[in-house]
Amino acid sequence: MVESVPHGVVMVDGSGEIVFVNRQTERLFGYAREALLGQPIERIVPTRFRERHPEFRATYFADPQARAMGAGRDLFGRRKDGTEIPVEIGLNPIETDEGLFVLASVVDISARKRAEEELRRSNEELERFAYVASHDLQEPLRTVTSYVQLLARRYRDKLDADAGEFIEFAVQGAMRMQRLIEDLLAFSRVGTRAAALVPTDANAALDAALENLKAAAGEAGATLTRGPLPTVLADPVQLGQLFTNLVGNAVKFRGTEPPRVQIGAERDGTQWVFRVRDNGIGIDPQYFERIFVIFQRLHGRNEYPGTGIGLAVCRKIVERHGGRIWVESEEGGGATFSFTLSAAPET
């Protein structure tokens, strides 16, 4: 059975000596098994990692348990010809009459890494295209908007009602396109103009967001309550943008009652879970995924203004921070938007 599995299997004793390999290990590393048996496991470890590997091995043998090796790190194996391959390694301790052994399953993930790299490059190219396109479109659109508005001011009284209406439509369309381009530019900048993730006081980021929303919240008669917020690893500007979008939506998508918005956070292991809860119009569960897609709207422009890009920006920001974002709601019953961010390391 071990010989037929599609990944490498290597057994090592307490001294780090290889006592068994299967056929796939021979294919993976380019060695005949006779050349590996009796050799230290460091023989198939890249040269740059060999010095510290015995320390890692000793640490594992001191507390053996079934787990993945090197959580959070990229792992590599060294082939006979000196080339390196990215791998995933699962460790399983085996107690025998002869002592403790470790059975390691080794999976070549070269194809996956190539696909991930290609996807990363494609995403970067798409972000650059979105940025350049939206940036370069602004100037001609500003020219069109300016001249149409000039027509509206200078000739409104000299044209008939239909002409005035047509000019108004043109002005509204140009301004709507301007907002779309500005939002697309903001979306592309999440990746292209991002700052480093640093310990960030979420209270300060929320303060900045609420200052930006002061006029809209006051006009809506909104009540905003908040709990103490933690320090997290974040881009301070993007965290403020995230709060601005979520709290702004809670104020905008209100029902007949004045909006009530609650902002809080709770610890969950190495992460913090933030929640923005409102009493607004709510969201039908069938649209939970759709609302995070760029330019997706559930309501007409006459009902609620906007371009449908705010929640897409929120998801992109959260994912860039290594977290996730989701919503819990029902139509007419308010909504709770939650997202996770890594806790800042304790000093």
Protein backbone atom coordinates (compact mmCIF):
# COMPACT_ATOMS: atom_id res chain seq x y z
CA MET A 1 0.00 0.00 0.00
CA VAL A 2 2.80 2.42 0.89
CA GLU A 3 4.54 1.65 -2.41
CA SER A 4 1.39 2.52 -4.38
CA VAL A 5 0.55 5.90 -2.82
CA PRO A 6 1.06 8.88 -5.20
CA HIS A 7 3.37 10.80 -2.84
CA GLY A 8 6.70 10.21 -1.18
CA VAL A 9 6.84 8.34 2.13
CA VAL A 10 9.98 8.54 4.27
CA MET A 11 10.55 6.94 7.70
CA VAL A 12 13.20 8.36 10.02
CA ASP A 13 14.49 7.06 13.36
CA GLY A 14 15.29 9.07 16.47
CA SER A 15 18.78 9.94 15.27
CA GLY A 16 17.46 11.38 12.01
CA GLU A 17 18.57 8.41 9.89
CA ILE A 18 16.39 7.32 6.95
CA VAL A 19 15.20 3.72 7.48
CA PHE A 20 12.55 3.49 4.72
CA VAL A 21 11.50 5.24 1.52
CA ASN A 22 8.91 4.23 -1.05
CA ARG A 23 9.09 4.18 -4.84
CA GLN A 24 7.58 7.67 -5.22
CA THR A 25 10.33 9.11 -2.99
CA GLU A 26 12.89 7.76 -5.46
CA ARG A 27 11.06 9.50 -8.33
CA LEU A 28 10.60 12.69 -6.36
CA PHE A 29 14.21 13.17 -5.27
CA GLY A 30 16.08 11.29 -8.04
CA TYR A 31 17.84 8.84 -5.72
CA ALA A 32 17.75 5.07 -5.72
CA ARG A 33 16.50 4.01 -2.32
CA GLU A 34 19.81 2.30 -1.55
CA ALA A 35 21.47 5.72 -1.74
CA LEU A 36 19.06 7.10 0.89
CA LEU A 37 18.72 4.28 3.40
CA GLY A 38 21.04 4.81 6.35
CA GLN A 39 21.65 8.45 5.37
CA PRO A 40 20.67 11.47 7.52
CA ILE A 41 17.37 13.04 6.50
CA GLU A 42 19.29 16.28 5.87
CA ARG A 43 20.49 14.69 2.62
CA ILE A 44 17.18 15.72 0.97
CA VAL A 45 16.96 19.04 2.84
CA PRO A 46 18.14 22.16 0.93
CA THR A 47 21.66 23.23 1.89
CA ARG A 48 20.52 26.58 3.30
CA PHE A 49 18.25 24.83 5.83
CA ARG A 50 20.51 21.95 6.87
CA GLU A 51 22.24 23.68 9.77
CA ARG A 52 19.01 24.31 11.69
CA HIS A 53 17.17 21.16 10.66
CA PRO A 54 18.54 18.92 13.47
CA GLU A 55 17.19 21.49 15.95
CA PHE A 56 13.71 21.29 14.38
CA ARG A 57 13.93 17.49 14.36
CA ALA A 58 14.89 17.37 18.05
CA THR A 59 12.02 19.69 18.93
CA TYR A 60 9.56 17.40 17.15
CA PHE A 61 10.87 14.23 18.80
CA ALA A 62 10.51 15.95 22.19
CA ASP A 63 6.78 16.42 21.55
CA PRO A 64 5.76 14.04 18.74
CA GLN A 65 2.28 14.40 17.28
CA ALA A 66 0.60 14.02 13.92
CA ARG A 67 0.73 17.40 12.19
CA ALA A 68 1.85 19.30 9.15
CA MET A 69 5.51 20.30 9.14
CA GLY A 70 6.52 23.95 9.04
CA ALA A 71 3.13 25.60 9.49
CA GLY A 72 3.22 29.07 7.98
CA ARG A 73 6.51 28.43 6.15
CA ASP A 74 7.35 27.43 2.60
CA LEU A 75 9.06 24.04 2.59
CA PHE A 76 11.46 22.70 -0.03
CA GLY A 77 13.17 19.41 -0.77
CA ARG A 78 16.55 18.97 -2.48
CA ARG A 79 16.86 16.59 -5.39
CA LYS A 80 19.98 14.59 -6.24
CA ASP A 81 20.88 17.07 -9.02
CA GLY A 82 20.77 19.96 -6.50
CA THR A 83 17.52 21.48 -7.68
CA GLU A 84 14.85 22.35 -5.13
CA ILE A 85 11.14 21.54 -5.23
CA PRO A 86 8.36 23.03 -3.10
CA VAL A 87 6.74 20.39 -0.92
CA GLU A 88 4.13 19.81 1.76
CA ILE A 89 5.11 17.40 4.52
CA GLY A 90 2.88 15.59 6.99
CA LEU A 91 4.50 14.08 10.11
CA ASN A 92 3.22 11.03 11.98
CA PRO A 93 5.01 9.52 15.01
CA ILE A 94 5.11 5.72 15.23
CA GLU A 95 5.92 3.96 18.51
CA THR A 96 7.61 0.56 18.09
CA ASP A 97 9.55 -1.90 20.24
CA GLU A 98 12.69 -0.42 18.71
CA GLY A 99 11.78 3.13 19.70
CA LEU A 100 10.10 6.14 18.16
CA PHE A 101 10.06 6.62 14.40
CA VAL A 102 8.55 9.38 12.30
CA LEU A 103 6.70 8.64 9.07
CA ALA A 104 6.69 11.65 6.75
CA SER A 105 4.47 12.00 3.69
CA VAL A 106 6.03 14.31 1.09
CA VAL A 107 3.88 15.92 -1.61
CA ASP A 108 5.36 17.80 -4.58
CA ILE A 109 3.36 21.03 -4.93
CA SER A 110 5.32 22.50 -7.86
CA ALA A 111 2.27 22.57 -10.15
CA ARG A 112 0.18 24.31 -7.50
CA LYS A 113 2.90 26.89 -6.85
CA ARG A 114 3.17 27.62 -10.58
CA ALA A 115 -0.59 28.07 -10.79
CA GLU A 116 -0.58 30.35 -7.73
CA GLU A 117 2.23 32.44 -9.21
CA GLU A 118 0.41 32.72 -12.53
CA LEU A 119 -2.76 33.77 -10.72
CA ARG A 120 -0.81 36.34 -8.70
CA ARG A 121 0.71 37.81 -11.86
CA SER A 122 -2.68 37.87 -13.58
CA ASN A 123 -4.23 39.67 -10.61
CA GLU A 124 -1.40 42.21 -10.53
CA GLU A 125 -1.78 42.85 -14.25
CA LEU A 126 -5.54 43.25 -13.84
CA GLU A 127 -5.04 45.68 -10.97
CA ARG A 128 -2.54 47.69 -13.02
CA PHE A 129 -4.94 47.75 -15.98
CA ALA A 130 -7.83 48.88 -13.76
CA TYR A 131 -5.67 51.62 -12.26
CA VAL A 132 -4.31 52.89 -15.58
CA ALA A 133 -7.68 52.69 -17.33
CA SER A 134 -9.57 54.46 -14.57
CA HIS A 135 -6.82 57.05 -14.05
CA ASP A 136 -6.51 57.88 -17.76
CA LEU A 137 -10.29 58.00 -18.30
CA GLN A 138 -10.76 60.71 -15.71
CA GLU A 139 -9.30 63.57 -17.74
CA PRO A 140 -11.46 63.22 -20.90
CA LEU A 141 -14.52 62.58 -18.76
CA ARG A 142 -13.84 65.73 -16.74
CA THR A 143 -13.69 67.65 -20.01
CA VAL A 144 -17.03 66.23 -21.19
CA THR A 145 -18.65 66.88 -17.81
CA SER A 146 -17.37 70.45 -17.67
CA TYR A 147 -18.66 71.38 -21.12
CA VAL A 148 -22.05 69.72 -20.62
CA GLN A 149 -22.44 71.61 -17.33
CA LEU A 150 -21.41 74.80 -19.13
CA LEU A 151 -24.13 74.17 -21.72
CA ALA A 152 -26.65 73.65 -18.93
CA ARG A 153 -25.74 76.94 -17.21
CA ARG A 154 -25.37 79.13 -20.30
CA TYR A 155 -28.17 77.93 -22.57
CA ARG A 156 -30.80 76.47 -20.25
CA ASP A 157 -33.11 79.47 -20.72
CA LYS A 158 -32.54 79.59 -24.51
CA LEU A 159 -33.58 76.00 -25.23
CA ASP A 160 -36.94 74.27 -25.07
CA ALA A 161 -37.92 71.95 -22.25
CA ASP A 162 -36.84 68.81 -24.08
CA ALA A 163 -33.35 70.17 -24.74
CA GLY A 164 -32.98 71.16 -21.09
CA GLU A 165 -34.04 67.67 -20.04
CA PHE A 166 -31.56 66.07 -22.45
CA ILE A 167 -28.74 68.21 -21.07
CA GLU A 168 -29.70 67.23 -17.52
CA PHE A 169 -29.59 63.54 -18.49
CA ALA A 170 -26.15 64.06 -20.01
CA VAL A 171 -24.89 65.81 -16.86
CA GLN A 172 -26.24 63.06 -14.61
CA GLY A 173 -24.77 60.33 -16.82
CA ALA A 174 -21.34 61.98 -16.91
CA MET A 175 -21.33 62.47 -13.12
CA ARG A 176 -22.38 58.84 -12.60
CA MET A 177 -19.53 57.71 -14.85
CA GLN A 178 -17.16 59.91 -12.85
CA ARG A 179 -18.22 58.17 -9.64
CA LEU A 180 -17.80 54.75 -11.25
CA ILE A 181 -14.29 55.60 -12.42
CA GLU A 182 -13.33 57.02 -9.02
CA ASP A 183 -14.62 53.88 -7.30
CA LEU A 184 -12.82 51.62 -9.76
CA LEU A 185 -9.64 53.57 -9.06
CA ALA A 186 -10.19 53.09 -5.31
CA PHE A 187 -10.73 49.35 -5.86
CA SER A 188 -7.50 48.98 -7.84
CA ARG A 189 -5.52 50.95 -5.26
CA VAL A 190 -6.25 48.38 -2.55
CA GLY A 191 -3.50 46.29 -4.11
CA THR A 192 -1.37 48.81 -6.01
CA ARG A 193 -1.12 51.58 -3.41
CA ALA A 194 -1.17 49.50 -0.23
CA ALA A 195 1.00 50.24 2.79
CA ALA A 196 2.69 47.73 5.09
CA LEU A 197 0.68 46.00 7.81
CA VAL A 198 1.69 47.47 11.17
CA PRO A 199 0.24 47.45 14.69
CA THR A 200 -2.78 49.75 14.31
CA ASP A 201 -5.21 51.05 16.89
CA ALA A 202 -8.64 50.17 15.52
CA ASN A 203 -10.18 52.87 17.74
CA ALA A 204 -8.25 55.56 15.87
CA ALA A 205 -9.24 54.08 12.50
CA LEU A 206 -12.91 54.07 13.54
CA ASP A 207 -12.64 57.65 14.83
CA ALA A 208 -11.39 58.77 11.40
CA ALA A 209 -14.20 56.89 9.68
CA LEU A 210 -16.89 58.39 11.91
CA GLU A 211 -15.50 61.86 11.30
CA ASN A 212 -15.90 61.29 7.56
CA LEU A 213 -19.47 60.08 8.11
CA LYS A 214 -20.50 62.80 10.56
CA ALA A 215 -22.67 64.72 8.09
CA ALA A 216 -24.44 61.63 6.68
CA ALA A 217 -25.02 60.16 10.14
CA GLY A 218 -26.38 63.46 11.44
CA GLU A 219 -28.73 63.87 8.49
CA ALA A 220 -30.08 60.35 9.00
CA GLY A 221 -30.45 60.80 12.76
CA ALA A 222 -28.21 57.77 13.30
CA THR A 223 -27.26 56.45 16.75
CA LEU A 224 -23.76 54.95 16.81
CA THR A 225 -22.55 52.86 19.75
CA ARG A 226 -19.14 51.24 20.06
CA GLY A 227 -17.18 49.00 22.34
CA PRO A 228 -13.43 49.15 22.95
CA LEU A 229 -11.47 48.02 19.92
CA PRO A 230 -8.08 46.26 19.87
CA THR A 231 -4.74 46.88 18.21
CA VAL A 232 -4.39 44.76 15.08
CA LEU A 233 -1.95 44.22 12.22
CA ALA A 234 -3.32 46.46 9.50
CA ASP A 235 -2.79 49.17 6.95
CA PRO A 236 -4.18 52.14 8.94
CA VAL A 237 -5.64 53.91 5.89
CA GLN A 238 -7.32 50.78 4.58
CA LEU A 239 -8.73 49.90 8.01
CA GLY A 240 -10.29 53.37 8.15
CA GLN A 241 -11.68 52.84 4.65
CA LEU A 242 -13.14 49.50 5.73
CA PHE A 243 -14.95 51.10 8.69
CA THR A 244 -16.12 53.99 6.50
CA ASN A 245 -17.71 51.65 3.96
CA LEU A 246 -19.38 49.33 6.49
CA VAL A 247 -20.70 52.03 8.82
CA GLY A 248 -21.65 54.18 5.82
CA ASN A 249 -23.72 51.32 4.40
CA ALA A 250 -25.40 50.79 7.77
CA VAL A 251 -26.46 54.45 7.74
CA LYS A 252 -27.46 54.50 4.07
CA PHE A 253 -29.49 51.28 3.86
CA ARG A 254 -31.93 52.24 6.59
CA GLY A 255 -35.60 51.48 6.92
CA THR A 256 -38.36 53.66 8.32
CA GLU A 257 -36.68 53.98 11.73
CA PRO A 258 -33.54 56.07 12.35
CA PRO A 259 -30.45 53.89 11.94
CA ARG A 260 -28.85 52.30 14.99
CA VAL A 261 -25.33 51.02 14.43
CA GLN A 262 -23.19 49.00 16.87
CA ILE A 263 -19.47 48.42 16.37
CA GLY A 264 -17.51 45.97 18.49
CA ALA A 265 -14.84 43.26 18.47
CA GLU A 266 -14.05 40.03 20.30
CA ARG A 267 -10.89 37.92 20.49
CA ASP A 268 -10.77 34.54 18.73
CA GLY A 269 -7.36 32.94 19.20
CA THR A 270 -4.77 34.90 17.24
CA GLN A 271 -7.46 36.96 15.51
CA TRP A 272 -10.01 39.59 16.34
CA VAL A 273 -13.54 39.37 14.98
CA PHE A 274 -15.07 42.80 14.29
CA ARG A 275 -18.81 43.25 13.92
CA VAL A 276 -20.83 46.14 12.50
CA ARG A 277 -24.50 45.56 13.35
CA ASP A 278 -27.44 47.68 12.14
CA ASN A 279 -31.25 47.79 12.18
CA GLY A 280 -31.60 48.54 8.47
CA ILE A 281 -33.43 46.93 5.57
CA GLY A 282 -31.47 43.68 5.78
CA ILE A 283 -30.37 41.34 2.99
CA ASP A 284 -32.01 38.22 1.59
CA PRO A 285 -29.60 35.30 2.29
CA GLN A 286 -29.57 34.35 -1.41
CA TYR A 287 -27.59 37.54 -2.09
CA PHE A 288 -24.90 37.09 0.60
CA GLU A 289 -22.16 36.31 -1.96
CA ARG A 290 -23.39 38.62 -4.69
CA ILE A 291 -23.12 41.77 -2.58
CA PHE A 292 -19.32 41.37 -2.34
CA VAL A 293 -18.90 41.31 -6.14
CA ILE A 294 -17.77 44.53 -7.83
CA PHE A 295 -20.56 46.72 -9.28
CA GLN A 296 -23.33 44.44 -7.96
CA ARG A 297 -26.40 46.27 -6.71
CA LEU A 298 -29.59 44.95 -5.12
CA HIS A 299 -31.50 48.24 -5.39
CA GLY A 300 -32.09 50.89 -8.03
CA ARG A 301 -30.12 54.15 -8.04
CA ASN A 302 -33.24 56.11 -7.20
CA GLU A 303 -33.70 54.08 -4.00
CA TYR A 304 -30.12 54.16 -2.71
CA PRO A 305 -27.19 56.00 -4.30
CA GLY A 306 -23.83 54.42 -5.01
CA THR A 307 -22.00 52.32 -7.58
CA GLY A 308 -22.10 48.91 -5.90
CA ILE A 309 -18.37 48.74 -5.29
CA GLY A 310 -18.08 49.47 -1.56
CA LEU A 311 -18.44 45.90 -0.27
CA ALA A 312 -16.12 44.59 -3.01
CA VAL A 313 -13.50 47.02 -1.70
CA CYS A 314 -14.18 45.79 1.85
CA ARG A 315 -13.61 42.17 0.88
CA LYS A 316 -10.46 43.02 -1.04
CA ILE A 317 -9.06 44.92 1.95
CA VAL A 318 -9.87 42.14 4.41
CA GLU A 319 -8.44 39.42 2.16
CA ARG A 320 -5.31 41.49 1.61
CA HIS A 321 -4.95 41.46 5.43
CA GLY A 322 -5.31 37.66 5.51
CA GLY A 323 -8.80 37.73 7.02
CA ARG A 324 -12.31 37.00 5.84
CA ILE A 325 -15.57 38.95 5.76
CA TRP A 326 -19.16 37.74 5.84
CA VAL A 327 -22.69 38.90 6.57
CA GLU A 328 -25.55 37.57 8.69
CA SER A 329 -28.96 39.00 7.92
CA GLU A 330 -32.49 38.51 6.74
CA GLU A 331 -34.61 40.80 4.62
CA GLY A 332 -36.17 43.50 6.80
CA GLY A 333 -34.26 42.38 9.89
CA GLY A 334 -31.06 44.40 9.86
CA ALA A 335 -27.59 43.06 9.06
CA THR A 336 -24.37 42.19 10.85
CA PHE A 337 -21.14 42.44 8.86
CA SER A 338 -18.21 40.60 10.45
CA PHE A 339 -14.56 40.50 9.48
CA THR A 340 -11.36 39.11 10.99
CA LEU A 341 -7.93 40.70 11.40
CA SER A 342 -4.77 39.34 13.01
CA ALA A 343 -3.99 40.52 16.51
CA ALA A 344 -0.88 42.67 16.81
CA PRO A 345 2.03 40.85 18.46
CA GLU A 346 2.39 41.59 22.15
CA THR A 347 5.43 43.64 23.09
